[in-house]
Amino acid sequence: MSQKEDILEQIVEEYLTHKGYFVQHNIKYRPDKNDPDYDSKKDSVHSDIDVLAYNPREAGPKKVLAVNIKSWQGGFDFRAVLEQVTANKKVSGKESHLRYRELCIPKWSKAFSKAIWQRTKETRFTHVLAVTLAKGDSKLWTSHEPFIMAMGNNPLEVRTLRQMVDAIEPSLTTTPAATDIGRTLQLFRAAGLRPKAAKPEVSLELDEDSSTGA
């Protein structure tokens, strides 16, 4: 992936690769045309799973991670976004439901799960929201019952840019990294632009209780 593409998506890939996951990008999906609620005017354009990750050494919902990436520089305010979604307010001219259609619209939820099954043969997975900066309590998001039901009672988690970088950096050495993001972090460290690691926000293990959030 070129550096001109979404940097947070590259960091997600680096983070998950370090955790032993195989990663795919931009997995397209859309509702089945045979779905009784299918609307050709609204459902003919694909949505996509930003990152789909599979780790054969994991078990249960941790084996498959489906990542939705929101690289907003202003951060992700969980309470504000949930209020927008609940009221289906328009944000920048777009209905809020359409930004999180797999979590809000049943026919898209089914299509999302089907896309995961087609590529992994797994029905258990974790829906991960990756954000630049978390604002507020992520448990509002990860414990939101309608979202959990939409994901077939599979767990939701949140990961921030800082958490992922904090997890990547300790494994870096002076040997040139194999990825653009790894190499960039090495160069920042060599130039003195990276301070000593601060205390992590929370545990970074992906096998933590899904209700913990971030």
Protein backbone atom coordinates (compact mmCIF):
# COMPACT_ATOMS: atom_id res chain seq x y z
CA MET A 1 0.00 0.00 0.00
CA SER A 2 1.33 3.42 -0.96
CA GLN A 3 2.07 6.00 1.75
CA LYS A 4 -0.38 8.33 0.04
CA GLU A 5 -3.18 5.99 1.10
CA ASP A 6 -4.79 6.11 4.53
CA ILE A 7 -1.96 6.13 7.07
CA LEU A 8 -4.14 4.80 9.89
CA GLU A 9 -5.05 1.83 7.70
CA GLN A 10 -1.34 1.11 7.25
CA ILE A 11 -0.79 1.31 11.00
CA VAL A 12 -3.68 -1.12 11.54
CA GLU A 13 -2.05 -3.53 9.11
CA GLU A 14 1.35 -3.20 10.82
CA TYR A 15 -0.21 -3.69 14.25
CA LEU A 16 -2.17 -6.78 13.25
CA THR A 17 0.74 -8.29 11.35
CA HIS A 18 2.86 -7.98 14.50
CA LYS A 19 0.07 -9.84 16.32
CA GLY A 20 0.26 -12.73 13.84
CA TYR A 21 -2.72 -11.87 11.63
CA PHE A 22 -2.97 -12.24 7.87
CA VAL A 23 -4.54 -9.08 6.48
CA GLN A 24 -6.75 -8.17 3.52
CA HIS A 25 -7.97 -4.70 2.58
CA ASN A 26 -11.22 -3.30 1.21
CA ILE A 27 -13.43 -6.38 1.20
CA LYS A 28 -16.51 -5.37 -0.76
CA TYR A 29 -20.03 -6.43 0.18
CA ARG A 30 -23.65 -5.41 -0.38
CA PRO A 31 -27.10 -6.83 0.40
CA ASP A 32 -28.32 -9.88 -1.46
CA LYS A 33 -30.65 -8.99 -4.29
CA ASN A 34 -33.00 -11.69 -2.99
CA ASP A 35 -33.29 -10.00 0.40
CA PRO A 36 -36.91 -8.86 0.83
CA ASP A 37 -35.68 -5.42 1.89
CA TYR A 38 -33.31 -5.01 -1.05
CA ASP A 39 -33.65 -1.63 -2.78
CA SER A 40 -31.77 -1.32 -6.05
CA LYS A 41 -31.66 2.47 -5.70
CA LYS A 42 -29.93 2.30 -2.31
CA ASP A 43 -28.16 -1.05 -2.22
CA SER A 44 -26.51 -1.46 -5.61
CA VAL A 45 -23.26 0.27 -4.56
CA HIS A 46 -20.87 -1.83 -2.50
CA SER A 47 -19.63 -0.94 0.95
CA ASP A 48 -16.38 -2.44 2.17
CA ILE A 49 -14.63 -3.83 5.22
CA ASP A 50 -11.53 -1.64 5.52
CA VAL A 51 -9.34 -4.41 6.95
CA LEU A 52 -10.17 -8.09 7.43
CA ALA A 53 -7.63 -10.01 9.53
CA TYR A 54 -7.32 -13.75 10.24
CA ASN A 55 -5.09 -15.45 12.81
CA PRO A 56 -5.15 -19.28 12.70
CA ARG A 57 -3.56 -19.42 16.16
CA GLU A 58 -6.43 -17.58 17.80
CA ALA A 59 -9.77 -19.06 18.82
CA GLY A 60 -13.33 -17.78 19.01
CA PRO A 61 -14.09 -14.21 17.92
CA LYS A 62 -10.41 -13.21 18.17
CA LYS A 63 -9.55 -15.39 15.18
CA VAL A 64 -11.17 -12.92 12.76
CA LEU A 65 -11.09 -9.13 13.11
CA ALA A 66 -13.20 -6.91 10.85
CA VAL A 67 -11.89 -3.36 11.14
CA ASN A 68 -13.78 -0.16 10.39
CA ILE A 69 -11.30 2.74 10.18
CA LYS A 70 -12.19 6.35 11.02
CA SER A 71 -9.04 8.45 10.65
CA TRP A 72 -10.62 11.73 11.72
CA GLN A 73 -8.00 14.20 12.94
CA GLY A 74 -10.50 15.72 15.36
CA GLY A 75 -11.00 12.37 17.06
CA PHE A 76 -14.00 10.06 17.50
CA ASP A 77 -16.54 11.20 20.09
CA PHE A 78 -18.47 8.06 21.05
CA ARG A 79 -21.41 9.79 22.71
CA ALA A 80 -21.85 12.34 19.91
CA VAL A 81 -21.64 9.73 17.14
CA LEU A 82 -24.11 7.43 18.91
CA GLU A 83 -26.54 10.31 19.24
CA GLN A 84 -26.17 11.03 15.53
CA VAL A 85 -26.72 7.37 14.64
CA THR A 86 -29.70 6.95 16.97
CA ALA A 87 -31.43 9.97 15.44
CA ASN A 88 -30.04 9.20 11.98
CA LYS A 89 -28.92 12.80 11.65
CA LYS A 90 -27.28 14.01 8.49
CA VAL A 91 -23.57 14.73 8.85
CA SER A 92 -21.84 16.46 5.93
CA GLY A 93 -24.96 15.76 3.90
CA LYS A 94 -24.96 12.01 4.59
CA GLU A 95 -27.29 10.03 6.83
CA SER A 96 -25.40 8.75 9.87
CA HIS A 97 -26.74 5.20 9.38
CA LEU A 98 -24.87 4.98 6.10
CA ARG A 99 -21.51 5.56 7.81
CA TYR A 100 -22.07 2.47 9.98
CA ARG A 101 -24.51 0.53 7.85
CA GLU A 102 -23.27 -2.89 8.97
CA LEU A 103 -24.14 -1.91 12.55
CA CYS A 104 -27.42 -0.14 11.82
CA ILE A 105 -29.20 -1.68 8.84
CA PRO A 106 -30.15 -5.40 9.07
CA LYS A 107 -29.70 -6.25 5.40
CA TRP A 108 -26.22 -4.71 5.48
CA SER A 109 -25.42 -6.52 8.73
CA LYS A 110 -26.24 -9.83 7.04
CA ALA A 111 -24.14 -8.92 4.00
CA PHE A 112 -21.23 -7.96 6.27
CA SER A 113 -21.30 -11.29 8.11
CA LYS A 114 -21.68 -13.17 4.83
CA ALA A 115 -18.59 -11.47 3.37
CA ILE A 116 -16.59 -12.56 6.43
CA TRP A 117 -17.89 -16.12 6.14
CA GLN A 118 -17.05 -16.32 2.44
CA ARG A 119 -13.39 -15.43 3.10
CA THR A 120 -12.77 -17.11 6.44
CA LYS A 121 -15.48 -19.77 6.94
CA GLU A 122 -15.96 -18.28 10.40
CA THR A 123 -19.16 -17.00 11.96
CA ARG A 124 -17.41 -15.73 15.08
CA PHE A 125 -15.46 -12.50 14.71
CA THR A 126 -14.70 -9.19 16.42
CA HIS A 127 -15.84 -5.89 14.96
CA VAL A 128 -13.02 -3.39 15.58
CA LEU A 129 -13.34 0.38 15.31
CA ALA A 130 -9.90 1.92 14.68
CA VAL A 131 -9.68 5.65 15.39
CA THR A 132 -7.01 8.34 15.45
CA LEU A 133 -8.11 9.63 18.85
CA ALA A 134 -10.82 8.35 21.19
CA LYS A 135 -13.03 10.91 22.91
CA GLY A 136 -15.11 9.80 25.86
CA ASP A 137 -15.90 6.28 27.06
CA SER A 138 -15.48 3.64 24.37
CA LYS A 139 -17.74 1.30 26.37
CA LEU A 140 -20.65 3.38 25.09
CA TRP A 141 -19.77 1.99 21.67
CA THR A 142 -18.61 -1.54 22.48
CA SER A 143 -21.57 -2.27 24.78
CA HIS A 144 -24.26 -0.69 22.58
CA GLU A 145 -26.81 -3.49 22.41
CA PRO A 146 -28.20 -2.79 18.91
CA PHE A 147 -24.66 -2.99 17.50
CA ILE A 148 -23.94 -6.25 19.30
CA MET A 149 -27.19 -7.75 18.02
CA ALA A 150 -26.41 -6.56 14.48
CA MET A 151 -23.10 -8.42 14.69
CA GLY A 152 -24.80 -11.65 15.75
CA ASN A 153 -23.73 -11.25 19.38
CA ASN A 154 -20.11 -11.01 18.33
CA PRO A 155 -18.00 -8.55 20.36
CA LEU A 156 -16.99 -5.00 19.46
CA GLU A 157 -13.66 -3.39 20.30
CA VAL A 158 -11.94 -0.03 19.81
CA ARG A 159 -8.29 0.59 18.98
CA THR A 160 -6.59 3.99 18.88
CA LEU A 161 -3.58 5.10 16.86
CA ARG A 162 -1.56 5.58 20.05
CA GLN A 163 -2.35 2.10 21.33
CA MET A 164 -1.28 0.52 18.08
CA VAL A 165 1.95 2.51 17.75
CA ASP A 166 2.79 1.77 21.41
CA ALA A 167 2.37 -1.92 20.60
CA ILE A 168 4.46 -1.80 17.42
CA GLU A 169 7.45 0.21 18.64
CA PRO A 170 8.93 -2.19 21.24
CA SER A 171 9.47 -4.82 18.53
CA LEU A 172 11.42 -2.47 16.26
CA THR A 173 15.21 -2.76 16.12
CA THR A 174 17.85 -0.90 14.10
CA THR A 175 17.47 -3.42 11.29
CA PRO A 176 15.43 -1.69 8.55
CA ALA A 177 11.79 -2.66 8.93
CA ALA A 178 10.00 -4.40 6.08
CA THR A 179 7.06 -1.98 5.98
CA ASP A 180 6.72 1.74 5.31
CA ILE A 181 5.17 2.43 8.72
CA GLY A 182 7.79 0.40 10.58
CA ARG A 183 10.59 2.16 8.73
CA THR A 184 9.03 5.57 9.36
CA LEU A 185 8.86 4.89 13.11
CA GLN A 186 12.50 3.74 13.07
CA LEU A 187 13.58 6.95 11.36
CA PHE A 188 11.56 9.08 13.79
CA ARG A 189 13.26 7.29 16.67
CA ALA A 190 16.71 7.70 15.12
CA ALA A 191 16.08 11.43 14.65
CA GLY A 192 14.99 11.84 18.27
CA LEU A 193 11.41 12.61 17.27
CA ARG A 194 9.93 9.76 19.26
CA PRO A 195 9.95 10.21 23.06
CA LYS A 196 10.30 7.29 25.42
CA ALA A 197 7.15 5.22 25.46
CA ALA A 198 4.50 6.67 27.72
CA LYS A 199 2.35 4.51 29.96
CA PRO A 200 -0.09 2.64 27.65
CA GLU A 201 -3.70 3.78 27.74
CA VAL A 202 -4.89 0.23 28.50
CA SER A 203 -3.83 -3.36 27.95
CA LEU A 204 -3.17 -3.89 24.26
CA GLU A 205 -3.85 -7.62 24.17
CA LEU A 206 -6.53 -8.61 21.71
CA ASP A 207 -7.68 -11.40 24.00
CA GLU A 208 -8.92 -8.97 26.62
CA ASP A 209 -12.59 -8.98 27.56
CA SER A 210 -14.49 -7.39 24.68
CA SER A 211 -16.48 -5.25 27.09
CA THR A 212 -13.32 -3.49 28.19
CA GLY A 213 -13.17 -1.46 24.99
CA ALA A 214 -10.19 0.89 24.89
